[in-house]
Amino acid sequence: MGKKGNRIQVILECSEQKKTGIPGISRYVTTKNKKNNPNRMQLKKFNPILKKYTIHKEIK
């Protein structure tokens, strides 16, 4: 039997790095409760390529 619930796994990708055109992608995997947070997530996470904290947005 599988788990039941509202938690789903989402991927967060750096939005600032896409704009600069620097190769490589900073991504994080996390979970969210789709019932409490139906909209896409945005979190400040560390980007090791740019060596600073940037906004990471949820992708498909």
PDB file of N, CA and C in Angstrom:
ATOM      1  N   MET A   1       0.836  -1.175   0.000  1.00  0.00           N
ATOM      2  CA  MET A   1       0.000   0.000   0.000  1.00  0.00           C
ATOM      3  C   MET A   1       0.883   1.241   0.000  1.00  0.00           C
ATOM      4  N   GLY A   2       0.494   2.202  -0.814  1.00  0.00           N
ATOM      5  CA  GLY A   2       1.239   3.445  -0.888  1.00  0.00           C
ATOM      6  C   GLY A   2       0.783   4.446   0.156  1.00  0.00           C
ATOM      7  N   LYS A   3       1.561   5.503   0.290  1.00  0.00           N
ATOM      8  CA  LYS A   3       1.202   6.562   1.230  1.00  0.00           C
ATOM      9  C   LYS A   3       0.044   7.368   0.675  1.00  0.00           C
ATOM     10  N   LYS A   4      -0.815   7.816   1.569  1.00  0.00           N
ATOM     11  CA  LYS A   4      -1.900   8.696   1.173  1.00  0.00           C
ATOM     12  C   LYS A   4      -1.657  10.047   1.812  1.00  0.00           C
ATOM     13  N   GLY A   5      -2.091  11.090   1.148  1.00  0.00           N
ATOM     14  CA  GLY A   5      -1.929  12.410   1.733  1.00  0.00           C
ATOM     15  C   GLY A   5      -1.816  13.485   0.678  1.00  0.00           C
ATOM     16  N   ASN A   6      -1.586  14.687   1.162  1.00  0.00           N
ATOM     17  CA  ASN A   6      -1.534  15.845   0.288  1.00  0.00           C
ATOM     18  C   ASN A   6      -0.118  16.295  -0.041  1.00  0.00           C
ATOM     19  N   ARG A   7       0.891  15.619   0.508  1.00  0.00           N
ATOM     20  CA  ARG A   7       2.270  16.054   0.272  1.00  0.00           C
ATOM     21  C   ARG A   7       2.778  15.530  -1.074  1.00  0.00           C
ATOM     22  N   ILE A   8       3.362  16.456  -1.848  1.00  0.00           N
ATOM     23  CA  ILE A   8       3.939  16.089  -3.138  1.00  0.00           C
ATOM     24  C   ILE A   8       5.378  16.586  -3.200  1.00  0.00           C
ATOM     25  N   GLN A   9       6.168  15.952  -4.041  1.00  0.00           N
ATOM     26  CA  GLN A   9       7.557  16.332  -4.228  1.00  0.00           C
ATOM     27  C   GLN A   9       7.640  17.377  -5.335  1.00  0.00           C
ATOM     28  N   VAL A  10       8.393  18.462  -5.111  1.00  0.00           N
ATOM     29  CA  VAL A  10       8.535  19.531  -6.091  1.00  0.00           C
ATOM     30  C   VAL A  10      10.018  19.825  -6.314  1.00  0.00           C
ATOM     31  N   ILE A  11      10.325  20.404  -7.465  1.00  0.00           N
ATOM     32  CA  ILE A  11      11.690  20.782  -7.821  1.00  0.00           C
ATOM     33  C   ILE A  11      11.768  22.301  -7.865  1.00  0.00           C
ATOM     34  N   LEU A  12      12.764  22.859  -7.182  1.00  0.00           N
ATOM     35  CA  LEU A  12      12.991  24.302  -7.186  1.00  0.00           C
ATOM     36  C   LEU A  12      14.219  24.588  -8.040  1.00  0.00           C
ATOM     37  N   GLU A  13      14.088  25.569  -8.951  1.00  0.00           N
ATOM     38  CA  GLU A  13      15.184  25.903  -9.861  1.00  0.00           C
ATOM     39  C   GLU A  13      15.506  27.389  -9.752  1.00  0.00           C
ATOM     40  N   CYS A  14      16.775  27.736  -9.826  1.00  0.00           N
ATOM     41  CA  CYS A  14      17.225  29.122  -9.689  1.00  0.00           C
ATOM     42  C   CYS A  14      16.747  29.944 -10.883  1.00  0.00           C
ATOM     43  N   SER A  15      16.106  31.076 -10.589  1.00  0.00           N
ATOM     44  CA  SER A  15      15.598  31.940 -11.658  1.00  0.00           C
ATOM     45  C   SER A  15      16.647  32.970 -12.095  1.00  0.00           C
ATOM     46  N   GLU A  16      17.518  33.388 -11.187  1.00  0.00           N
ATOM     47  CA  GLU A  16      18.527  34.396 -11.524  1.00  0.00           C
ATOM     48  C   GLU A  16      19.605  33.845 -12.449  1.00  0.00           C
ATOM     49  N   GLN A  17      19.946  32.596 -12.291  1.00  0.00           N
ATOM     50  CA  GLN A  17      21.002  32.011 -13.116  1.00  0.00           C
ATOM     51  C   GLN A  17      20.559  31.873 -14.563  1.00  0.00           C
ATOM     52  N   LYS A  18      19.271  31.613 -14.789  1.00  0.00           N
ATOM     53  CA  LYS A  18      18.761  31.511 -16.162  1.00  0.00           C
ATOM     54  C   LYS A  18      18.944  32.830 -16.901  1.00  0.00           C
ATOM     55  N   LYS A  19      18.731  33.954 -16.202  1.00  0.00           N
ATOM     56  CA  LYS A  19      18.831  35.279 -16.815  1.00  0.00           C
ATOM     57  C   LYS A  19      20.260  35.624 -17.202  1.00  0.00           C
ATOM     58  N   THR A  20      21.243  35.179 -16.407  1.00  0.00           N
ATOM     59  CA  THR A  20      22.637  35.537 -16.665  1.00  0.00           C
ATOM     60  C   THR A  20      23.242  34.746 -17.819  1.00  0.00           C
ATOM     61  N   GLY A  21      22.726  33.547 -18.080  1.00  0.00           N
ATOM     62  CA  GLY A  21      23.255  32.729 -19.172  1.00  0.00           C
ATOM     63  C   GLY A  21      24.470  31.904 -18.784  1.00  0.00           C
ATOM     64  N   ILE A  22      24.799  31.866 -17.495  1.00  0.00           N
ATOM     65  CA  ILE A  22      25.928  31.055 -17.017  1.00  0.00           C
ATOM     66  C   ILE A  22      25.528  29.579 -17.119  1.00  0.00           C
ATOM     67  N   PRO A  23      26.404  28.720 -17.658  1.00  0.00           N
ATOM     68  CA  PRO A  23      26.041  27.303 -17.778  1.00  0.00           C
ATOM     69  C   PRO A  23      25.889  26.629 -16.421  1.00  0.00           C
ATOM     70  N   GLY A  24      25.075  25.588 -16.400  1.00  0.00           N
ATOM     71  CA  GLY A  24      24.813  24.856 -15.169  1.00  0.00           C
ATOM     72  C   GLY A  24      23.462  25.255 -14.591  1.00  0.00           C
ATOM     73  N   ILE A  25      22.913  24.409 -13.726  1.00  0.00           N
ATOM     74  CA  ILE A  25      21.602  24.658 -13.145  1.00  0.00           C
ATOM     75  C   ILE A  25      21.663  24.325 -11.657  1.00  0.00           C
ATOM     76  N   SER A  26      21.136  25.226 -10.839  1.00  0.00           N
ATOM     77  CA  SER A  26      21.026  24.974  -9.408  1.00  0.00           C
ATOM     78  C   SER A  26      19.593  24.535  -9.131  1.00  0.00           C
ATOM     79  N   ARG A  27      19.424  23.297  -8.658  1.00  0.00           N
ATOM     80  CA  ARG A  27      18.091  22.756  -8.372  1.00  0.00           C
ATOM     81  C   ARG A  27      18.063  22.118  -6.994  1.00  0.00           C
ATOM     82  N   TYR A  28      16.921  22.217  -6.346  1.00  0.00           N
ATOM     83  CA  TYR A  28      16.679  21.579  -5.054  1.00  0.00           C
ATOM     84  C   TYR A  28      15.382  20.793  -5.136  1.00  0.00           C
ATOM     85  N   VAL A  29      15.295  19.682  -4.414  1.00  0.00           N
ATOM     86  CA  VAL A  29      14.087  18.872  -4.343  1.00  0.00           C
ATOM     87  C   VAL A  29      13.540  18.981  -2.927  1.00  0.00           C
ATOM     88  N   THR A  30      12.252  19.268  -2.804  1.00  0.00           N
ATOM     89  CA  THR A  30      11.611  19.376  -1.499  1.00  0.00           C
ATOM     90  C   THR A  30      10.173  18.897  -1.612  1.00  0.00           C
ATOM     91  N   THR A  31       9.440  18.923  -0.512  1.00  0.00           N
ATOM     92  CA  THR A  31       8.032  18.532  -0.533  1.00  0.00           C
ATOM     93  C   THR A  31       7.174  19.694  -0.087  1.00  0.00           C
ATOM     94  N   LYS A  32       5.922  19.687  -0.519  1.00  0.00           N
ATOM     95  CA  LYS A  32       4.974  20.701  -0.080  1.00  0.00           C
ATOM     96  C   LYS A  32       3.603  20.066   0.045  1.00  0.00           C
ATOM     97  N   ASN A  33       2.763  20.692   0.835  1.00  0.00           N
ATOM     98  CA  ASN A  33       1.397  20.246   1.016  1.00  0.00           C
ATOM     99  C   ASN A  33       0.548  20.965  -0.029  1.00  0.00           C
ATOM    100  N   LYS A  34       0.051  20.234  -1.014  1.00  0.00           N
ATOM    101  CA  LYS A  34      -0.677  20.872  -2.120  1.00  0.00           C
ATOM    102  C   LYS A  34      -2.025  21.432  -1.695  1.00  0.00           C
ATOM    103  N   LYS A  35      -2.549  20.985  -0.555  1.00  0.00           N
ATOM    104  CA  LYS A  35      -3.816  21.520  -0.059  1.00  0.00           C
ATOM    105  C   LYS A  35      -3.611  22.901   0.583  1.00  0.00           C
ATOM    106  N   ASN A  36      -2.537  23.058   1.354  1.00  0.00           N
ATOM    107  CA  ASN A  36      -2.262  24.336   2.012  1.00  0.00           C
ATOM    108  C   ASN A  36      -1.591  25.344   1.083  1.00  0.00           C
ATOM    109  N   ASN A  37      -0.798  24.864   0.119  1.00  0.00           N
ATOM    110  CA  ASN A  37      -0.052  25.729  -0.797  1.00  0.00           C
ATOM    111  C   ASN A  37      -0.336  25.327  -2.238  1.00  0.00           C
ATOM    112  N   PRO A  38      -1.498  25.710  -2.785  1.00  0.00           N
ATOM    113  CA  PRO A  38      -1.809  25.296  -4.156  1.00  0.00           C
ATOM    114  C   PRO A  38      -0.983  26.034  -5.216  1.00  0.00           C
ATOM    115  N   ASN A  39      -0.459  27.217  -4.875  1.00  0.00           N
ATOM    116  CA  ASN A  39       0.332  27.998  -5.831  1.00  0.00           C
ATOM    117  C   ASN A  39       1.780  27.512  -5.845  1.00  0.00           C
ATOM    118  N   ARG A  40       2.545  27.999  -6.820  1.00  0.00           N
ATOM    119  CA  ARG A  40       3.944  27.599  -6.929  1.00  0.00           C
ATOM    120  C   ARG A  40       4.777  28.236  -5.831  1.00  0.00           C
ATOM    121  N   MET A  41       5.752  27.468  -5.334  1.00  0.00           N
ATOM    122  CA  MET A  41       6.610  27.926  -4.241  1.00  0.00           C
ATOM    123  C   MET A  41       7.753  28.790  -4.751  1.00  0.00           C
ATOM    124  N   GLN A  42       8.219  29.700  -3.888  1.00  0.00           N
ATOM    125  CA  GLN A  42       9.427  30.477  -4.119  1.00  0.00           C
ATOM    126  C   GLN A  42      10.190  30.509  -2.807  1.00  0.00           C
ATOM    127  N   LEU A  43      11.442  30.066  -2.824  1.00  0.00           N
ATOM    128  CA  LEU A  43      12.270  30.068  -1.622  1.00  0.00           C
ATOM    129  C   LEU A  43      13.640  30.628  -1.951  1.00  0.00           C
ATOM    130  N   LYS A  44      14.272  31.267  -0.962  1.00  0.00           N
ATOM    131  CA  LYS A  44      15.651  31.710  -1.123  1.00  0.00           C
ATOM    132  C   LYS A  44      16.550  30.546  -0.724  1.00  0.00           C
ATOM    133  N   LYS A  45      17.359  30.076  -1.669  1.00  0.00           N
ATOM    134  CA  LYS A  45      18.273  28.963  -1.431  1.00  0.00           C
ATOM    135  C   LYS A  45      19.659  29.367  -1.938  1.00  0.00           C
ATOM    136  N   PHE A  46      20.676  28.650  -1.482  1.00  0.00           N
ATOM    137  CA  PHE A  46      22.043  28.948  -1.894  1.00  0.00           C
ATOM    138  C   PHE A  46      22.328  28.369  -3.271  1.00  0.00           C
ATOM    139  N   ASN A  47      22.892  29.186  -4.147  1.00  0.00           N
ATOM    140  CA  ASN A  47      23.302  28.745  -5.477  1.00  0.00           C
ATOM    141  C   ASN A  47      24.823  28.604  -5.466  1.00  0.00           C
ATOM    142  N   PRO A  48      25.344  27.369  -5.522  1.00  0.00           N
ATOM    143  CA  PRO A  48      26.794  27.182  -5.440  1.00  0.00           C
ATOM    144  C   PRO A  48      27.552  27.694  -6.666  1.00  0.00           C
ATOM    145  N   ILE A  49      26.892  27.833  -7.795  1.00  0.00           N
ATOM    146  CA  ILE A  49      27.566  28.323  -9.003  1.00  0.00           C
ATOM    147  C   ILE A  49      27.776  29.829  -8.913  1.00  0.00           C
ATOM    148  N   LEU A  50      26.739  30.563  -8.465  1.00  0.00           N
ATOM    149  CA  LEU A  50      26.850  32.013  -8.296  1.00  0.00           C
ATOM    150  C   LEU A  50      27.449  32.383  -6.935  1.00  0.00           C
ATOM    151  N   LYS A  51      27.514  31.422  -6.027  1.00  0.00           N
ATOM    152  CA  LYS A  51      28.062  31.600  -4.676  1.00  0.00           C
ATOM    153  C   LYS A  51      27.313  32.668  -3.885  1.00  0.00           C
ATOM    154  N   LYS A  52      25.971  32.649  -3.973  1.00  0.00           N
ATOM    155  CA  LYS A  52      25.143  33.554  -3.176  1.00  0.00           C
ATOM    156  C   LYS A  52      23.734  32.991  -3.077  1.00  0.00           C
ATOM    157  N   TYR A  53      22.932  33.562  -2.186  1.00  0.00           N
ATOM    158  CA  TYR A  53      21.550  33.153  -2.013  1.00  0.00           C
ATOM    159  C   TYR A  53      20.691  33.808  -3.093  1.00  0.00           C
ATOM    160  N   THR A  54      19.877  33.010  -3.779  1.00  0.00           N
ATOM    161  CA  THR A  54      19.023  33.502  -4.857  1.00  0.00           C
ATOM    162  C   THR A  54      17.631  32.917  -4.695  1.00  0.00           C
ATOM    163  N   ILE A  55      16.679  33.465  -5.438  1.00  0.00           N
ATOM    164  CA  ILE A  55      15.304  32.967  -5.396  1.00  0.00           C
ATOM    165  C   ILE A  55      15.197  31.751  -6.311  1.00  0.00           C
ATOM    166  N   HIS A  56      14.695  30.669  -5.760  1.00  0.00           N
ATOM    167  CA  HIS A  56      14.456  29.435  -6.509  1.00  0.00           C
ATOM    168  C   HIS A  56      12.948  29.257  -6.638  1.00  0.00           C
ATOM    169  N   LYS A  57      12.461  29.061  -7.855  1.00  0.00           N
ATOM    170  CA  LYS A  57      11.033  28.905  -8.114  1.00  0.00           C
ATOM    171  C   LYS A  57      10.699  27.469  -8.465  1.00  0.00           C
ATOM    172  N   GLU A  58       9.500  27.073  -8.126  1.00  0.00           N
ATOM    173  CA  GLU A  58       9.024  25.722  -8.424  1.00  0.00           C
ATOM    174  C   GLU A  58       8.818  25.573  -9.933  1.00  0.00           C
ATOM    175  N   ILE A  59       9.308  24.469 -10.471  1.00  0.00           N
ATOM    176  CA  ILE A  59       9.085  24.162 -11.886  1.00  0.00           C
ATOM    177  C   ILE A  59       8.106  23.007 -11.986  1.00  0.00           C
ATOM    178  N   LYS A  60       7.634  22.744 -13.179  1.00  0.00           N
ATOM    179  CA  LYS A  60       6.626  21.712 -13.422  1.00  0.00           C
ATOM    180  C   LYS A  60       6.869  20.450 -12.729  1.00  0.00           C
TER     181      LYS A  60
END
